[in-house]
């Protein structure tokens, strides 16, 4: 089995117009999905990220620069991630299809972790 990262992309503010009760229901859905992945032996880990675009660091000719981003102009951000185990990309994508993130208009980037 390989490990895959599921990066949960969303538009900044995508969940802003939801009441506290609605947000708690959404959070429960994500938790239930993670629990299902645990029960099936696929779950490795995952976390919700802060609702900001973070910072990007680059080395340019020996000088380290820090900028806002990476999606400052598009207002898209990575809202969180899951790590799962799957046999291949086909299985990882099949598992990701049931993640509630797609239901709420987000997109999921699926990447295989290169294990050394």
C-alpha atoms as a PDB file:
ATOM      1  CA  UNK A   1       0.000   0.000   0.000  1.00  0.00           C
ATOM      2  CA  UNK A   2       1.156   3.532  -0.758  1.00  0.00           C
ATOM      3  CA  UNK A   3       0.386   6.705   1.175  1.00  0.00           C
ATOM      4  CA  UNK A   4      -1.519   9.489  -0.565  1.00  0.00           C
ATOM      5  CA  UNK A   5      -2.076  13.079   0.498  1.00  0.00           C
ATOM      6  CA  UNK A   6      -5.506  14.528  -0.133  1.00  0.00           C
ATOM      7  CA  UNK A   7      -5.151  18.318  -0.203  1.00  0.00           C
ATOM      8  CA  UNK A   8      -8.552  19.926   0.384  1.00  0.00           C
ATOM      9  CA  UNK A   9      -8.716  23.094  -1.733  1.00  0.00           C
ATOM     10  CA  UNK A  10     -11.471  25.629  -1.193  1.00  0.00           C
ATOM     11  CA  UNK A  11     -12.348  29.225  -1.940  1.00  0.00           C
ATOM     12  CA  UNK A  12     -11.459  31.547   0.903  1.00  0.00           C
ATOM     13  CA  UNK A  13     -14.627  32.188   2.925  1.00  0.00           C
ATOM     14  CA  UNK A  14     -16.415  29.172   1.419  1.00  0.00           C
ATOM     15  CA  UNK A  15     -17.943  28.287   4.787  1.00  0.00           C
ATOM     16  CA  UNK A  16     -18.377  31.829   6.163  1.00  0.00           C
ATOM     17  CA  UNK A  17     -22.138  32.075   5.689  1.00  0.00           C
ATOM     18  CA  UNK A  18     -22.991  29.028   7.774  1.00  0.00           C
ATOM     19  CA  UNK A  19     -24.397  29.176  11.265  1.00  0.00           C
ATOM     20  CA  UNK A  20     -22.561  27.609  14.190  1.00  0.00           C
ATOM     21  CA  UNK A  21     -24.922  24.612  14.120  1.00  0.00           C
ATOM     22  CA  UNK A  22     -24.439  24.165  10.365  1.00  0.00           C
ATOM     23  CA  UNK A  23     -20.653  24.274  10.776  1.00  0.00           C
ATOM     24  CA  UNK A  24     -20.784  21.713  13.575  1.00  0.00           C
ATOM     25  CA  UNK A  25     -22.762  19.404  11.264  1.00  0.00           C
ATOM     26  CA  UNK A  26     -20.162  19.879   8.509  1.00  0.00           C
ATOM     27  CA  UNK A  27     -17.327  19.127  10.942  1.00  0.00           C
ATOM     28  CA  UNK A  28     -19.148  15.976  12.071  1.00  0.00           C
ATOM     29  CA  UNK A  29     -19.358  14.819   8.433  1.00  0.00           C
ATOM     30  CA  UNK A  30     -15.601  15.195   7.983  1.00  0.00           C
ATOM     31  CA  UNK A  31     -15.012  13.363  11.271  1.00  0.00           C
ATOM     32  CA  UNK A  32     -17.341  10.528  10.251  1.00  0.00           C
ATOM     33  CA  UNK A  33     -15.492  10.186   6.935  1.00  0.00           C
ATOM     34  CA  UNK A  34     -12.146  10.041   8.747  1.00  0.00           C
ATOM     35  CA  UNK A  35     -13.556   7.410  11.123  1.00  0.00           C
ATOM     36  CA  UNK A  36     -14.754   5.328   8.171  1.00  0.00           C
ATOM     37  CA  UNK A  37     -11.253   5.497   6.658  1.00  0.00           C
ATOM     38  CA  UNK A  38      -9.819   4.378  10.042  1.00  0.00           C
ATOM     39  CA  UNK A  39     -12.214   1.437  10.255  1.00  0.00           C
ATOM     40  CA  UNK A  40     -11.270   0.323   6.736  1.00  0.00           C
ATOM     41  CA  UNK A  41      -7.534   0.641   7.469  1.00  0.00           C
ATOM     42  CA  UNK A  42      -6.912   3.549   5.079  1.00  0.00           C
ATOM     43  CA  UNK A  43      -6.523   6.491   7.481  1.00  0.00           C
ATOM     44  CA  UNK A  44      -3.010   7.776   8.187  1.00  0.00           C
ATOM     45  CA  UNK A  45      -3.774  11.304   9.441  1.00  0.00           C
ATOM     46  CA  UNK A  46      -5.270  14.682   8.702  1.00  0.00           C
ATOM     47  CA  UNK A  47      -5.859  18.175  10.032  1.00  0.00           C
ATOM     48  CA  UNK A  48      -7.859  21.326   9.328  1.00  0.00           C
ATOM     49  CA  UNK A  49      -5.575  24.235   8.469  1.00  0.00           C
ATOM     50  CA  UNK A  50      -6.072  27.840   9.557  1.00  0.00           C
ATOM     51  CA  UNK A  51      -8.335  29.897   7.291  1.00  0.00           C
ATOM     52  CA  UNK A  52      -5.561  31.893   5.678  1.00  0.00           C
ATOM     53  CA  UNK A  53      -3.216  31.434   2.737  1.00  0.00           C
ATOM     54  CA  UNK A  54      -0.124  31.127   4.934  1.00  0.00           C
ATOM     55  CA  UNK A  55       3.327  32.168   3.781  1.00  0.00           C
ATOM     56  CA  UNK A  56       5.635  31.078   0.969  1.00  0.00           C
ATOM     57  CA  UNK A  57       9.407  31.056   1.439  1.00  0.00           C
ATOM     58  CA  UNK A  58      11.864  31.190  -1.462  1.00  0.00           C
ATOM     59  CA  UNK A  59      15.618  31.356  -1.755  1.00  0.00           C
ATOM     60  CA  UNK A  60      16.609  33.870  -4.417  1.00  0.00           C
ATOM     61  CA  UNK A  61      20.351  34.125  -4.905  1.00  0.00           C
ATOM     62  CA  UNK A  62      21.033  33.257  -1.278  1.00  0.00           C
ATOM     63  CA  UNK A  63      18.459  35.662   0.134  1.00  0.00           C
ATOM     64  CA  UNK A  64      15.381  34.153   1.792  1.00  0.00           C
ATOM     65  CA  UNK A  65      12.128  35.897   0.961  1.00  0.00           C
ATOM     66  CA  UNK A  66       8.792  35.415   2.678  1.00  0.00           C
ATOM     67  CA  UNK A  67       5.568  36.402   0.926  1.00  0.00           C
ATOM     68  CA  UNK A  68       1.858  35.961   1.467  1.00  0.00           C
ATOM     69  CA  UNK A  69       0.364  33.220  -0.581  1.00  0.00           C
ATOM     70  CA  UNK A  70       0.484  30.930  -2.394  1.00  0.00           C
ATOM     71  CA  UNK A  71      -2.970  31.811  -3.709  1.00  0.00           C
ATOM     72  CA  UNK A  72      -3.284  35.486  -2.797  1.00  0.00           C
ATOM     73  CA  UNK A  73      -4.603  36.533  -6.205  1.00  0.00           C
ATOM     74  CA  UNK A  74      -7.163  33.733  -6.611  1.00  0.00           C
ATOM     75  CA  UNK A  75      -8.365  33.611  -2.992  1.00  0.00           C
ATOM     76  CA  UNK A  76      -8.104  29.825  -3.040  1.00  0.00           C
ATOM     77  CA  UNK A  77      -6.444  28.023  -0.169  1.00  0.00           C
ATOM     78  CA  UNK A  78      -5.714  24.567   1.145  1.00  0.00           C
ATOM     79  CA  UNK A  79      -8.201  24.218   3.969  1.00  0.00           C
ATOM     80  CA  UNK A  80      -6.865  20.928   5.264  1.00  0.00           C
ATOM     81  CA  UNK A  81      -5.522  17.543   4.333  1.00  0.00           C
ATOM     82  CA  UNK A  82      -5.939  13.847   4.893  1.00  0.00           C
ATOM     83  CA  UNK A  83      -3.304  11.156   4.475  1.00  0.00           C
ATOM     84  CA  UNK A  84      -4.631   7.781   3.416  1.00  0.00           C
ATOM     85  CA  UNK A  85      -3.261   4.387   2.387  1.00  0.00           C
ATOM     86  CA  UNK A  86      -4.341   2.956  -0.948  1.00  0.00           C
ATOM     87  CA  UNK A  87      -3.075   0.441  -3.484  1.00  0.00           C
ATOM     88  CA  UNK A  88      -2.773   3.007  -6.284  1.00  0.00           C
ATOM     89  CA  UNK A  89      -4.138   6.324  -7.603  1.00  0.00           C
ATOM     90  CA  UNK A  90      -7.354   4.659  -8.751  1.00  0.00           C
ATOM     91  CA  UNK A  91      -8.159   3.437  -5.254  1.00  0.00           C
ATOM     92  CA  UNK A  92      -7.052   6.704  -3.631  1.00  0.00           C
ATOM     93  CA  UNK A  93      -9.375   8.677  -5.932  1.00  0.00           C
ATOM     94  CA  UNK A  94     -12.219   6.217  -5.346  1.00  0.00           C
ATOM     95  CA  UNK A  95     -11.807   6.677  -1.577  1.00  0.00           C
ATOM     96  CA  UNK A  96     -11.578  10.475  -1.932  1.00  0.00           C
ATOM     97  CA  UNK A  97     -14.858  10.559  -3.885  1.00  0.00           C
ATOM     98  CA  UNK A  98     -16.761   9.956  -0.652  1.00  0.00           C
ATOM     99  CA  UNK A  99     -15.000  12.785   1.230  1.00  0.00           C
ATOM    100  CA  UNK A 100     -17.547  15.477   2.166  1.00  0.00           C
ATOM    101  CA  UNK A 101     -15.244  18.190   0.799  1.00  0.00           C
ATOM    102  CA  UNK A 102     -16.515  17.602  -2.744  1.00  0.00           C
ATOM    103  CA  UNK A 103     -20.117  17.909  -1.543  1.00  0.00           C
ATOM    104  CA  UNK A 104     -19.382  21.451  -0.338  1.00  0.00           C
ATOM    105  CA  UNK A 105     -17.881  22.696  -3.604  1.00  0.00           C
ATOM    106  CA  UNK A 106     -14.215  22.148  -2.803  1.00  0.00           C
ATOM    107  CA  UNK A 107     -11.702  20.232  -4.862  1.00  0.00           C
ATOM    108  CA  UNK A 108      -9.326  17.515  -3.748  1.00  0.00           C
ATOM    109  CA  UNK A 109      -5.770  17.224  -5.039  1.00  0.00           C
ATOM    110  CA  UNK A 110      -4.538  13.630  -4.718  1.00  0.00           C
ATOM    111  CA  UNK A 111      -0.754  13.135  -4.507  1.00  0.00           C
ATOM    112  CA  UNK A 112       1.278  10.009  -3.829  1.00  0.00           C
ATOM    113  CA  UNK A 113       3.911  10.273  -1.102  1.00  0.00           C
ATOM    114  CA  UNK A 114       7.322   9.137  -2.298  1.00  0.00           C
ATOM    115  CA  UNK A 115       8.632   6.964   0.511  1.00  0.00           C
ATOM    116  CA  UNK A 116      12.406   6.711   0.832  1.00  0.00           C
END
